[in-house]
Amino acid sequence: MTLWLIGGTQESVALARALIPHQIPCLVTVTTDTARSLYPIAPTLQIWVGSLNPATIQSFIHEQSIHCILDASHPFAVEISQLAITTAQRHQIPYLRYERPEIQPSEPSNPSRSADAHGGSPLPTPDSRSADAHGESPLPTPHDLTGHRVLLTLGYRFLHHFQPWHDRATLFARILPSTTALEAALAAGFTPDRLIALRPPISAPLEKALWQQWQISTVITKASGTAGGEDIKRQVAQDLGIRLIVIDRPAITYPQQTSRIATAVDFCLQNFPPARDSTP
């Protein structure tokens, strides 16, 4: 029997490390070879690289002898979470979502509503339609980007929604240093001088320097929590007086969830009782 840990996040690496001492057979799924190198090497830990979909999930569950699912995927990775939930319900497999804590805007100033560096009116924050339960609905582009220098830190999958704005605003995008991300950004109309490929975490001084270098007046990001650098972006936006638009997390109903590593480990232990030592 195997635990399926849906990975690709900093939290999933921490969970994998926490599970190793308990000798629970664990299969971590990631989508890139780069992500594989983030996980420790251990006899009880396997890394599976690839993508799963409704056509392949059944064979995956049976071939890997999946007995329990711990979903530590990114908050915006709605497709794999929905697939895991449906599969768990169909096969009566225990499922737990590890959800990284959300960041609450500081008071009294809300960076997502702050005036921009030029004293302009704030942009409305996009609502939860930014990504529906299937991750398919188009991002509702803010209606007042005209004339602004905009930095997008949304991930390459969202960039094509902003393609119509290239002739009305100066758009920049920060992406991961991968061939897939670069190809998607170029296909979305971004020229090399408007792109920066950088892997998080990004410190506050570097974040501030990048925004100042490009003379950014609006930043659009996702509610990805502290692990995604959301807290740093909020602070830098306040320091520089730059509008920060935060895309809400998709609304997903998880059967059960936690934001505590210890609770997630306990869940796994409940479903994988430790082997008894038979040594006299």
C-alpha atoms as a PDB file:
ATOM      1  CA  MET A   1       0.000   0.000   0.000  1.00  0.00           C
ATOM      2  CA  THR A   2       1.248   3.439  -0.931  1.00  0.00           C
ATOM      3  CA  LEU A   3       0.559   7.017   0.100  1.00  0.00           C
ATOM      4  CA  TRP A   4       0.057   9.368  -2.826  1.00  0.00           C
ATOM      5  CA  LEU A   5       1.509  12.755  -1.972  1.00  0.00           C
ATOM      6  CA  ILE A   6       0.532  15.324  -4.601  1.00  0.00           C
ATOM      7  CA  GLY A   7       3.606  17.519  -4.710  1.00  0.00           C
ATOM      8  CA  GLY A   8       5.262  20.379  -6.530  1.00  0.00           C
ATOM      9  CA  THR A   9       5.183  22.810  -3.585  1.00  0.00           C
ATOM     10  CA  GLN A  10       7.483  23.734  -0.712  1.00  0.00           C
ATOM     11  CA  GLU A  11       4.953  22.270   1.702  1.00  0.00           C
ATOM     12  CA  SER A  12       4.967  18.912  -0.068  1.00  0.00           C
ATOM     13  CA  VAL A  13       8.756  18.750   0.367  1.00  0.00           C
ATOM     14  CA  ALA A  14       8.360  19.459   4.078  1.00  0.00           C
ATOM     15  CA  LEU A  15       5.668  16.791   4.325  1.00  0.00           C
ATOM     16  CA  ALA A  16       7.842  14.241   2.538  1.00  0.00           C
ATOM     17  CA  ARG A  17      10.687  14.923   4.974  1.00  0.00           C
ATOM     18  CA  ALA A  18       8.315  14.625   7.935  1.00  0.00           C
ATOM     19  CA  LEU A  19       7.021  11.258   6.733  1.00  0.00           C
ATOM     20  CA  ILE A  20      10.387   9.602   6.119  1.00  0.00           C
ATOM     21  CA  PRO A  21      11.079   8.750   9.815  1.00  0.00           C
ATOM     22  CA  HIS A  22       7.724   6.939   9.946  1.00  0.00           C
ATOM     23  CA  GLN A  23       8.701   4.669   7.022  1.00  0.00           C
ATOM     24  CA  ILE A  24       5.422   5.176   5.206  1.00  0.00           C
ATOM     25  CA  PRO A  25       5.697   4.087   1.549  1.00  0.00           C
ATOM     26  CA  CYS A  26       5.182   7.397  -0.247  1.00  0.00           C
ATOM     27  CA  LEU A  27       4.850   8.228  -3.944  1.00  0.00           C
ATOM     28  CA  VAL A  28       5.209  11.941  -4.725  1.00  0.00           C
ATOM     29  CA  THR A  29       3.822  13.158  -8.042  1.00  0.00           C
ATOM     30  CA  VAL A  30       5.363  16.210  -9.716  1.00  0.00           C
ATOM     31  CA  THR A  31       5.086  17.581 -13.237  1.00  0.00           C
ATOM     32  CA  THR A  32       8.724  18.445 -14.017  1.00  0.00           C
ATOM     33  CA  ASP A  33      12.146  16.826 -13.630  1.00  0.00           C
ATOM     34  CA  THR A  34      13.332  20.009 -11.943  1.00  0.00           C
ATOM     35  CA  ALA A  35      10.878  19.451  -9.098  1.00  0.00           C
ATOM     36  CA  ARG A  36      12.221  15.936  -8.571  1.00  0.00           C
ATOM     37  CA  SER A  37      15.524  17.281  -7.244  1.00  0.00           C
ATOM     38  CA  LEU A  38      13.782  19.160  -4.402  1.00  0.00           C
ATOM     39  CA  TYR A  39      12.881  15.983  -2.532  1.00  0.00           C
ATOM     40  CA  PRO A  40      15.166  13.960  -0.255  1.00  0.00           C
ATOM     41  CA  ILE A  41      16.416  10.510  -1.162  1.00  0.00           C
ATOM     42  CA  ALA A  42      14.973   7.761   1.016  1.00  0.00           C
ATOM     43  CA  PRO A  43      14.080   4.068   0.602  1.00  0.00           C
ATOM     44  CA  THR A  44      10.399   4.772   1.316  1.00  0.00           C
ATOM     45  CA  LEU A  45      10.135   7.772  -1.033  1.00  0.00           C
ATOM     46  CA  GLN A  46       9.545   7.571  -4.789  1.00  0.00           C
ATOM     47  CA  ILE A  47       9.142  10.504  -7.189  1.00  0.00           C
ATOM     48  CA  TRP A  48       6.816  10.146 -10.166  1.00  0.00           C
ATOM     49  CA  VAL A  49       7.161  12.761 -12.921  1.00  0.00           C
ATOM     50  CA  GLY A  50       4.267  13.359 -15.285  1.00  0.00           C
ATOM     51  CA  SER A  51       0.667  14.532 -15.596  1.00  0.00           C
ATOM     52  CA  LEU A  52      -2.476  12.679 -14.623  1.00  0.00           C
ATOM     53  CA  ASN A  53      -5.920  13.030 -16.162  1.00  0.00           C
ATOM     54  CA  PRO A  54      -9.263  11.186 -16.072  1.00  0.00           C
ATOM     55  CA  ALA A  55      -8.027   8.752 -18.720  1.00  0.00           C
ATOM     56  CA  THR A  56      -4.923   7.695 -16.788  1.00  0.00           C
ATOM     57  CA  ILE A  57      -5.889   8.055 -13.137  1.00  0.00           C
ATOM     58  CA  GLN A  58      -7.523   4.615 -12.798  1.00  0.00           C
ATOM     59  CA  SER A  59      -4.468   2.687 -13.957  1.00  0.00           C
ATOM     60  CA  PHE A  60      -2.265   4.923 -11.807  1.00  0.00           C
ATOM     61  CA  ILE A  61      -4.277   4.136  -8.666  1.00  0.00           C
ATOM     62  CA  HIS A  62      -4.160   0.381  -9.272  1.00  0.00           C
ATOM     63  CA  GLU A  63      -0.563   0.098 -10.510  1.00  0.00           C
ATOM     64  CA  GLN A  64       0.784   2.160  -7.623  1.00  0.00           C
ATOM     65  CA  SER A  65      -1.484   0.515  -5.017  1.00  0.00           C
ATOM     66  CA  ILE A  66      -2.672   3.886  -3.739  1.00  0.00           C
ATOM     67  CA  HIS A  67      -4.168   3.489  -0.278  1.00  0.00           C
ATOM     68  CA  CYS A  68      -4.307   7.110   0.882  1.00  0.00           C
ATOM     69  CA  ILE A  69      -4.076  10.592  -0.702  1.00  0.00           C
ATOM     70  CA  LEU A  70      -2.391  13.660   0.785  1.00  0.00           C
ATOM     71  CA  ASP A  71      -2.977  16.626  -1.533  1.00  0.00           C
ATOM     72  CA  ALA A  72      -0.283  19.286  -1.089  1.00  0.00           C
ATOM     73  CA  SER A  73      -0.543  20.761  -4.575  1.00  0.00           C
ATOM     74  CA  HIS A  74      -0.505  24.493  -5.311  1.00  0.00           C
ATOM     75  CA  PRO A  75      -3.706  26.378  -4.330  1.00  0.00           C
ATOM     76  CA  PHE A  76      -4.311  27.120  -8.017  1.00  0.00           C
ATOM     77  CA  ALA A  77      -3.689  23.559  -9.244  1.00  0.00           C
ATOM     78  CA  VAL A  78      -7.412  22.929  -9.350  1.00  0.00           C
ATOM     79  CA  GLU A  79      -7.412  20.176 -11.963  1.00  0.00           C
ATOM     80  CA  ILE A  80      -5.295  17.701 -10.015  1.00  0.00           C
ATOM     81  CA  SER A  81      -7.122  18.447  -6.757  1.00  0.00           C
ATOM     82  CA  GLN A  82     -10.529  17.871  -8.345  1.00  0.00           C
ATOM     83  CA  LEU A  83      -9.259  14.696  -9.974  1.00  0.00           C
ATOM     84  CA  ALA A  84      -7.880  13.411  -6.668  1.00  0.00           C
ATOM     85  CA  ILE A  85     -11.095  14.201  -4.798  1.00  0.00           C
ATOM     86  CA  THR A  86     -13.257  12.449  -7.390  1.00  0.00           C
ATOM     87  CA  THR A  87     -10.943   9.442  -7.426  1.00  0.00           C
ATOM     88  CA  ALA A  88     -10.866   9.215  -3.635  1.00  0.00           C
ATOM     89  CA  GLN A  89     -14.645   9.252  -3.466  1.00  0.00           C
ATOM     90  CA  ARG A  90     -15.019   6.681  -6.220  1.00  0.00           C
ATOM     91  CA  HIS A  91     -12.564   4.220  -4.668  1.00  0.00           C
ATOM     92  CA  GLN A  92     -13.261   5.120  -1.015  1.00  0.00           C
ATOM     93  CA  ILE A  93      -9.653   6.200  -0.496  1.00  0.00           C
ATOM     94  CA  PRO A  94      -8.887   8.452   2.504  1.00  0.00           C
ATOM     95  CA  TYR A  95      -8.113  11.994   1.299  1.00  0.00           C
ATOM     96  CA  LEU A  96      -6.720  15.039   3.075  1.00  0.00           C
ATOM     97  CA  ARG A  97      -5.952  18.442   1.602  1.00  0.00           C
ATOM     98  CA  TYR A  98      -2.975  20.348   2.970  1.00  0.00           C
ATOM     99  CA  GLU A  99      -3.838  23.997   2.238  1.00  0.00           C
ATOM    100  CA  ARG A 100      -1.181  26.615   2.861  1.00  0.00           C
ATOM    101  CA  PRO A 101      -2.522  29.427   5.060  1.00  0.00           C
ATOM    102  CA  GLU A 102      -3.961  32.475   3.350  1.00  0.00           C
ATOM    103  CA  ILE A 103      -2.606  35.946   4.028  1.00  0.00           C
ATOM    104  CA  GLN A 104      -4.999  38.472   5.465  1.00  0.00           C
ATOM    105  CA  PRO A 105      -4.514  42.050   4.195  1.00  0.00           C
ATOM    106  CA  SER A 106      -3.016  44.356   6.779  1.00  0.00           C
ATOM    107  CA  GLU A 107      -5.151  47.089   8.273  1.00  0.00           C
ATOM    108  CA  PRO A 108      -5.952  49.858   7.771  1.00  0.00           C
ATOM    109  CA  SER A 109      -4.320  49.787   4.348  1.00  0.00           C
ATOM    110  CA  ASN A 110      -5.294  47.089   1.866  1.00  0.00           C
ATOM    111  CA  PRO A 111      -2.578  46.769  -0.799  1.00  0.00           C
ATOM    112  CA  SER A 112      -5.002  45.332  -3.345  1.00  0.00           C
ATOM    113  CA  ARG A 113      -6.915  48.630  -3.179  1.00  0.00           C
ATOM    114  CA  SER A 114      -3.986  51.036  -2.817  1.00  0.00           C
ATOM    115  CA  ALA A 115      -3.626  54.028  -5.115  1.00  0.00           C
ATOM    116  CA  ASP A 116      -0.893  53.603  -7.722  1.00  0.00           C
ATOM    117  CA  ALA A 117       2.436  55.410  -7.799  1.00  0.00           C
ATOM    118  CA  HIS A 118       0.971  58.076 -10.113  1.00  0.00           C
ATOM    119  CA  GLY A 119      -1.956  58.849  -7.821  1.00  0.00           C
ATOM    120  CA  GLY A 120      -4.477  57.124 -10.056  1.00  0.00           C
ATOM    121  CA  SER A 121      -7.651  55.436  -8.892  1.00  0.00           C
ATOM    122  CA  PRO A 122      -7.291  51.849  -7.681  1.00  0.00           C
ATOM    123  CA  LEU A 123      -8.196  48.938  -9.905  1.00  0.00           C
ATOM    124  CA  PRO A 124     -10.990  46.606  -8.784  1.00  0.00           C
ATOM    125  CA  THR A 125      -9.678  43.311  -7.471  1.00  0.00           C
ATOM    126  CA  PRO A 126     -10.678  40.423  -9.781  1.00  0.00           C
ATOM    127  CA  ASP A 127     -13.158  38.095  -8.162  1.00  0.00           C
ATOM    128  CA  SER A 128     -13.038  34.305  -7.813  1.00  0.00           C
ATOM    129  CA  ARG A 129     -13.921  33.874 -11.472  1.00  0.00           C
ATOM    130  CA  SER A 130     -10.175  34.222 -12.033  1.00  0.00           C
ATOM    131  CA  ALA A 131     -10.140  30.416 -11.953  1.00  0.00           C
ATOM    132  CA  ASP A 132     -13.260  28.320 -11.622  1.00  0.00           C
ATOM    133  CA  ALA A 133     -13.549  24.876 -10.067  1.00  0.00           C
ATOM    134  CA  HIS A 134     -12.171  23.345 -13.280  1.00  0.00           C
ATOM    135  CA  GLY A 135      -9.463  25.919 -13.844  1.00  0.00           C
ATOM    136  CA  GLU A 136     -10.914  26.691 -17.270  1.00  0.00           C
ATOM    137  CA  SER A 137     -12.710  30.033 -17.128  1.00  0.00           C
ATOM    138  CA  PRO A 138     -10.738  33.024 -18.494  1.00  0.00           C
ATOM    139  CA  LEU A 139      -9.193  35.501 -16.150  1.00  0.00           C
ATOM    140  CA  PRO A 140     -11.349  38.673 -16.017  1.00  0.00           C
ATOM    141  CA  THR A 141      -8.770  41.221 -17.136  1.00  0.00           C
ATOM    142  CA  PRO A 142      -8.982  44.468 -15.134  1.00  0.00           C
ATOM    143  CA  HIS A 143     -10.641  47.151 -17.216  1.00  0.00           C
ATOM    144  CA  ASP A 144      -8.203  49.977 -16.477  1.00  0.00           C
ATOM    145  CA  LEU A 145      -4.655  48.915 -17.373  1.00  0.00           C
ATOM    146  CA  THR A 146      -4.331  51.384 -20.226  1.00  0.00           C
ATOM    147  CA  GLY A 147      -1.101  53.350 -20.042  1.00  0.00           C
ATOM    148  CA  HIS A 148       0.249  51.425 -17.040  1.00  0.00           C
ATOM    149  CA  ARG A 149       3.443  49.461 -16.657  1.00  0.00           C
ATOM    150  CA  VAL A 150       2.153  46.124 -15.381  1.00  0.00           C
ATOM    151  CA  LEU A 151       4.077  43.225 -13.850  1.00  0.00           C
ATOM    152  CA  LEU A 152       2.372  39.840 -13.971  1.00  0.00           C
ATOM    153  CA  THR A 153       3.494  37.229 -11.432  1.00  0.00           C
ATOM    154  CA  LEU A 154       0.685  34.804 -12.159  1.00  0.00           C
ATOM    155  CA  GLY A 155       2.500  31.881 -13.752  1.00  0.00           C
ATOM    156  CA  TYR A 156       2.735  31.192 -17.460  1.00  0.00           C
ATOM    157  CA  ARG A 157      -0.689  29.527 -17.738  1.00  0.00           C
ATOM    158  CA  PHE A 158      -2.456  32.877 -17.187  1.00  0.00           C
ATOM    159  CA  LEU A 159      -0.402  35.010 -19.575  1.00  0.00           C
ATOM    160  CA  HIS A 160      -2.455  34.388 -22.726  1.00  0.00           C
ATOM    161  CA  HIS A 161      -5.429  36.114 -21.088  1.00  0.00           C
ATOM    162  CA  PHE A 162      -3.475  39.373 -21.168  1.00  0.00           C
ATOM    163  CA  GLN A 163      -2.402  39.161 -24.809  1.00  0.00           C
ATOM    164  CA  PRO A 164      -5.017  41.729 -25.987  1.00  0.00           C
ATOM    165  CA  TRP A 165      -3.479  44.329 -23.640  1.00  0.00           C
ATOM    166  CA  HIS A 166      -0.053  44.560 -25.257  1.00  0.00           C
ATOM    167  CA  ASP A 167      -1.077  47.526 -27.412  1.00  0.00           C
ATOM    168  CA  ARG A 168      -2.647  49.450 -24.510  1.00  0.00           C
ATOM    169  CA  ALA A 169      -0.263  48.815 -21.620  1.00  0.00           C
ATOM    170  CA  THR A 170       3.381  47.915 -21.073  1.00  0.00           C
ATOM    171  CA  LEU A 171       3.281  44.360 -19.791  1.00  0.00           C
ATOM    172  CA  PHE A 172       6.076  42.506 -18.060  1.00  0.00           C
ATOM    173  CA  ALA A 173       5.982  38.933 -16.765  1.00  0.00           C
ATOM    174  CA  ARG A 174       8.042  36.978 -14.294  1.00  0.00           C
ATOM    175  CA  ILE A 175       8.099  33.270 -15.037  1.00  0.00           C
ATOM    176  CA  LEU A 176       9.909  30.163 -13.867  1.00  0.00           C
ATOM    177  CA  PRO A 177      13.163  29.350 -15.687  1.00  0.00           C
ATOM    178  CA  SER A 178      11.751  26.533 -17.808  1.00  0.00           C
ATOM    179  CA  THR A 179      11.354  25.942 -21.523  1.00  0.00           C
ATOM    180  CA  THR A 180       7.608  25.432 -21.119  1.00  0.00           C
ATOM    181  CA  ALA A 181       7.132  28.760 -19.331  1.00  0.00           C
ATOM    182  CA  LEU A 182       9.285  30.660 -21.815  1.00  0.00           C
ATOM    183  CA  GLU A 183       7.495  29.222 -24.841  1.00  0.00           C
ATOM    184  CA  ALA A 184       4.094  30.067 -23.330  1.00  0.00           C
ATOM    185  CA  ALA A 185       5.178  33.638 -22.557  1.00  0.00           C
ATOM    186  CA  LEU A 186       6.506  34.216 -26.072  1.00  0.00           C
ATOM    187  CA  ALA A 187       3.327  32.753 -27.546  1.00  0.00           C
ATOM    188  CA  ALA A 188       1.330  35.212 -25.397  1.00  0.00           C
ATOM    189  CA  GLY A 189       3.103  38.144 -27.056  1.00  0.00           C
ATOM    190  CA  PHE A 190       5.803  38.891 -24.492  1.00  0.00           C
ATOM    191  CA  THR A 191       9.154  39.892 -25.983  1.00  0.00           C
ATOM    192  CA  PRO A 192      12.418  38.796 -24.293  1.00  0.00           C
ATOM    193  CA  ASP A 193      13.024  42.287 -22.884  1.00  0.00           C
ATOM    194  CA  ARG A 194       9.695  42.065 -21.016  1.00  0.00           C
ATOM    195  CA  LEU A 195      10.445  38.741 -19.332  1.00  0.00           C
ATOM    196  CA  ILE A 196      12.475  37.645 -16.358  1.00  0.00           C
ATOM    197  CA  ALA A 197      12.958  33.972 -15.527  1.00  0.00           C
ATOM    198  CA  LEU A 198      13.552  33.540 -11.828  1.00  0.00           C
ATOM    199  CA  ARG A 199      12.786  30.768  -9.367  1.00  0.00           C
ATOM    200  CA  PRO A 200      11.359  31.725  -5.945  1.00  0.00           C
ATOM    201  CA  PRO A 201      11.911  32.538  -3.176  1.00  0.00           C
ATOM    202  CA  ILE A 202      12.558  36.201  -4.002  1.00  0.00           C
ATOM    203  CA  SER A 203      13.696  38.512  -1.232  1.00  0.00           C
ATOM    204  CA  ALA A 204      12.026  41.851  -0.537  1.00  0.00           C
ATOM    205  CA  PRO A 205      15.096  43.871  -1.659  1.00  0.00           C
ATOM    206  CA  LEU A 206      15.248  42.000  -4.980  1.00  0.00           C
ATOM    207  CA  GLU A 207      11.485  42.303  -5.463  1.00  0.00           C
ATOM    208  CA  LYS A 208      11.644  46.042  -4.849  1.00  0.00           C
ATOM    209  CA  ALA A 209      14.638  46.472  -7.161  1.00  0.00           C
ATOM    210  CA  LEU A 210      12.881  44.664 -10.024  1.00  0.00           C
ATOM    211  CA  TRP A 211       9.765  46.800  -9.702  1.00  0.00           C
ATOM    212  CA  GLN A 212      11.812  49.968  -9.615  1.00  0.00           C
ATOM    213  CA  GLN A 213      14.022  48.888 -12.524  1.00  0.00           C
ATOM    214  CA  TRP A 214      10.974  48.400 -14.731  1.00  0.00           C
ATOM    215  CA  GLN A 215       9.127  51.418 -13.266  1.00  0.00           C
ATOM    216  CA  ILE A 216       6.137  49.239 -12.481  1.00  0.00           C
ATOM    217  CA  SER A 217       2.878  50.941 -11.526  1.00  0.00           C
ATOM    218  CA  THR A 218       0.637  47.856 -11.166  1.00  0.00           C
ATOM    219  CA  VAL A 219       1.408  44.302 -10.083  1.00  0.00           C
ATOM    220  CA  ILE A 220      -1.013  41.419 -10.559  1.00  0.00           C
ATOM    221  CA  THR A 221      -0.375  38.264  -8.566  1.00  0.00           C
ATOM    222  CA  LYS A 222      -2.147  35.267  -7.058  1.00  0.00           C
ATOM    223  CA  ALA A 223      -3.195  34.616  -3.473  1.00  0.00           C
ATOM    224  CA  SER A 224      -0.462  32.008  -3.174  1.00  0.00           C
ATOM    225  CA  GLY A 225       0.395  32.636   0.470  1.00  0.00           C
ATOM    226  CA  THR A 226       3.746  33.183   2.121  1.00  0.00           C
ATOM    227  CA  ALA A 227       5.327  30.258   0.261  1.00  0.00           C
ATOM    228  CA  GLY A 228       4.492  32.018  -3.003  1.00  0.00           C
ATOM    229  CA  GLY A 229       5.910  35.343  -1.836  1.00  0.00           C
ATOM    230  CA  GLU A 230       2.527  37.025  -1.508  1.00  0.00           C
ATOM    231  CA  ASP A 231       3.464  38.608   1.821  1.00  0.00           C
ATOM    232  CA  ILE A 232       6.584  40.180   0.327  1.00  0.00           C
ATOM    233  CA  LYS A 233       4.667  41.534  -2.656  1.00  0.00           C
ATOM    234  CA  ARG A 234       2.084  43.098  -0.343  1.00  0.00           C
ATOM    235  CA  GLN A 235       4.794  44.778   1.708  1.00  0.00           C
ATOM    236  CA  VAL A 236       6.744  46.061  -1.312  1.00  0.00           C
ATOM    237  CA  ALA A 237       3.533  47.390  -2.880  1.00  0.00           C
ATOM    238  CA  GLN A 238       2.829  49.372   0.270  1.00  0.00           C
ATOM    239  CA  ASP A 239       6.409  50.644   0.487  1.00  0.00           C
ATOM    240  CA  LEU A 240       6.422  51.859  -3.115  1.00  0.00           C
ATOM    241  CA  GLY A 241       2.790  52.945  -3.340  1.00  0.00           C
ATOM    242  CA  ILE A 242       2.135  50.518  -6.180  1.00  0.00           C
ATOM    243  CA  ARG A 243      -1.234  48.945  -6.879  1.00  0.00           C
ATOM    244  CA  LEU A 244      -1.288  45.247  -6.084  1.00  0.00           C
ATOM    245  CA  ILE A 245      -4.120  43.167  -7.503  1.00  0.00           C
ATOM    246  CA  VAL A 246      -4.432  39.770  -5.830  1.00  0.00           C
ATOM    247  CA  ILE A 247      -6.314  37.032  -7.685  1.00  0.00           C
ATOM    248  CA  ASP A 248      -8.448  35.063  -5.254  1.00  0.00           C
ATOM    249  CA  ARG A 249      -7.904  31.344  -4.835  1.00  0.00           C
ATOM    250  CA  PRO A 250     -10.337  29.087  -6.694  1.00  0.00           C
ATOM    251  CA  ALA A 251     -13.264  28.012  -4.556  1.00  0.00           C
ATOM    252  CA  ILE A 252     -12.904  24.252  -4.043  1.00  0.00           C
ATOM    253  CA  THR A 253     -14.820  22.179  -1.523  1.00  0.00           C
ATOM    254  CA  TYR A 254     -12.338  19.764   0.009  1.00  0.00           C
ATOM    255  CA  PRO A 255     -13.697  16.720   1.904  1.00  0.00           C
ATOM    256  CA  GLN A 256     -11.290  17.581   4.731  1.00  0.00           C
ATOM    257  CA  GLN A 257      -8.313  19.881   4.966  1.00  0.00           C
ATOM    258  CA  THR A 258      -5.646  21.236   7.298  1.00  0.00           C
ATOM    259  CA  SER A 259      -2.928  23.882   7.334  1.00  0.00           C
ATOM    260  CA  ARG A 260      -0.773  22.065   9.892  1.00  0.00           C
ATOM    261  CA  ILE A 261       2.055  19.701   8.966  1.00  0.00           C
ATOM    262  CA  ALA A 262       1.575  17.743  12.202  1.00  0.00           C
ATOM    263  CA  THR A 263      -2.105  17.120  11.437  1.00  0.00           C
ATOM    264  CA  ALA A 264      -1.236  15.895   7.948  1.00  0.00           C
ATOM    265  CA  VAL A 265       1.367  13.489   9.356  1.00  0.00           C
ATOM    266  CA  ASP A 266      -1.141  12.195  11.933  1.00  0.00           C
ATOM    267  CA  PHE A 267      -3.622  11.570   9.117  1.00  0.00           C
ATOM    268  CA  CYS A 268      -1.057   9.442   7.312  1.00  0.00           C
ATOM    269  CA  LEU A 269      -0.145   7.520  10.464  1.00  0.00           C
ATOM    270  CA  GLN A 270      -3.791   6.725  11.090  1.00  0.00           C
ATOM    271  CA  ASN A 271      -4.012   5.134   7.657  1.00  0.00           C
ATOM    272  CA  PHE A 272      -0.590   3.486   7.772  1.00  0.00           C
ATOM    273  CA  PRO A 273      -0.098   1.914  11.212  1.00  0.00           C
ATOM    274  CA  PRO A 274       3.624   1.508  11.947  1.00  0.00           C
ATOM    275  CA  ALA A 275       5.030  -1.938  11.380  1.00  0.00           C
ATOM    276  CA  ARG A 276       5.735  -3.749  14.632  1.00  0.00           C
ATOM    277  CA  ASP A 277       9.297  -4.779  15.280  1.00  0.00           C
ATOM    278  CA  SER A 278       9.373  -8.593  15.598  1.00  0.00           C
ATOM    279  CA  THR A 279      12.928  -8.668  16.974  1.00  0.00           C
ATOM    280  CA  PRO A 280      12.995 -10.396  20.394  1.00  0.00           C
END
